Amino acid sequence: MSAATRSRLVFALLMSLEMSLLMTGWVTWVNLGFGEQFLARWVHAFVLAWPAACVIVLATAPSVQRLSQRLLAAWSSAARQEPRP
């Protein structure tokens, strides 16, 4: 496995872990509040969400990165063309 592939895989694992953990915690809290079932429901939601999130990040990260680069290039180009007072 190349260094670039390992880097992409580690990024996907960490990004999906963080986002799944935070989002399932948030949505569980919004729906249930901090009751007796909160932790069990959060863990259940996280276990279901993390694998899906990881696959989604692996599948979409390259195209999102290209889109980000195009947007930044366009904004940079537009900023250089704006006249300054």
Foldseek 3Di string as FASTA:
>chain_A
DDPVVVVQLVVLLVVLLVVLLVVLLVVLCVVPNPDPCSVVSSVVSSVVRSVVSSVVCSVCVVVVVVVVVVVVVVVVVVVVPDDDD
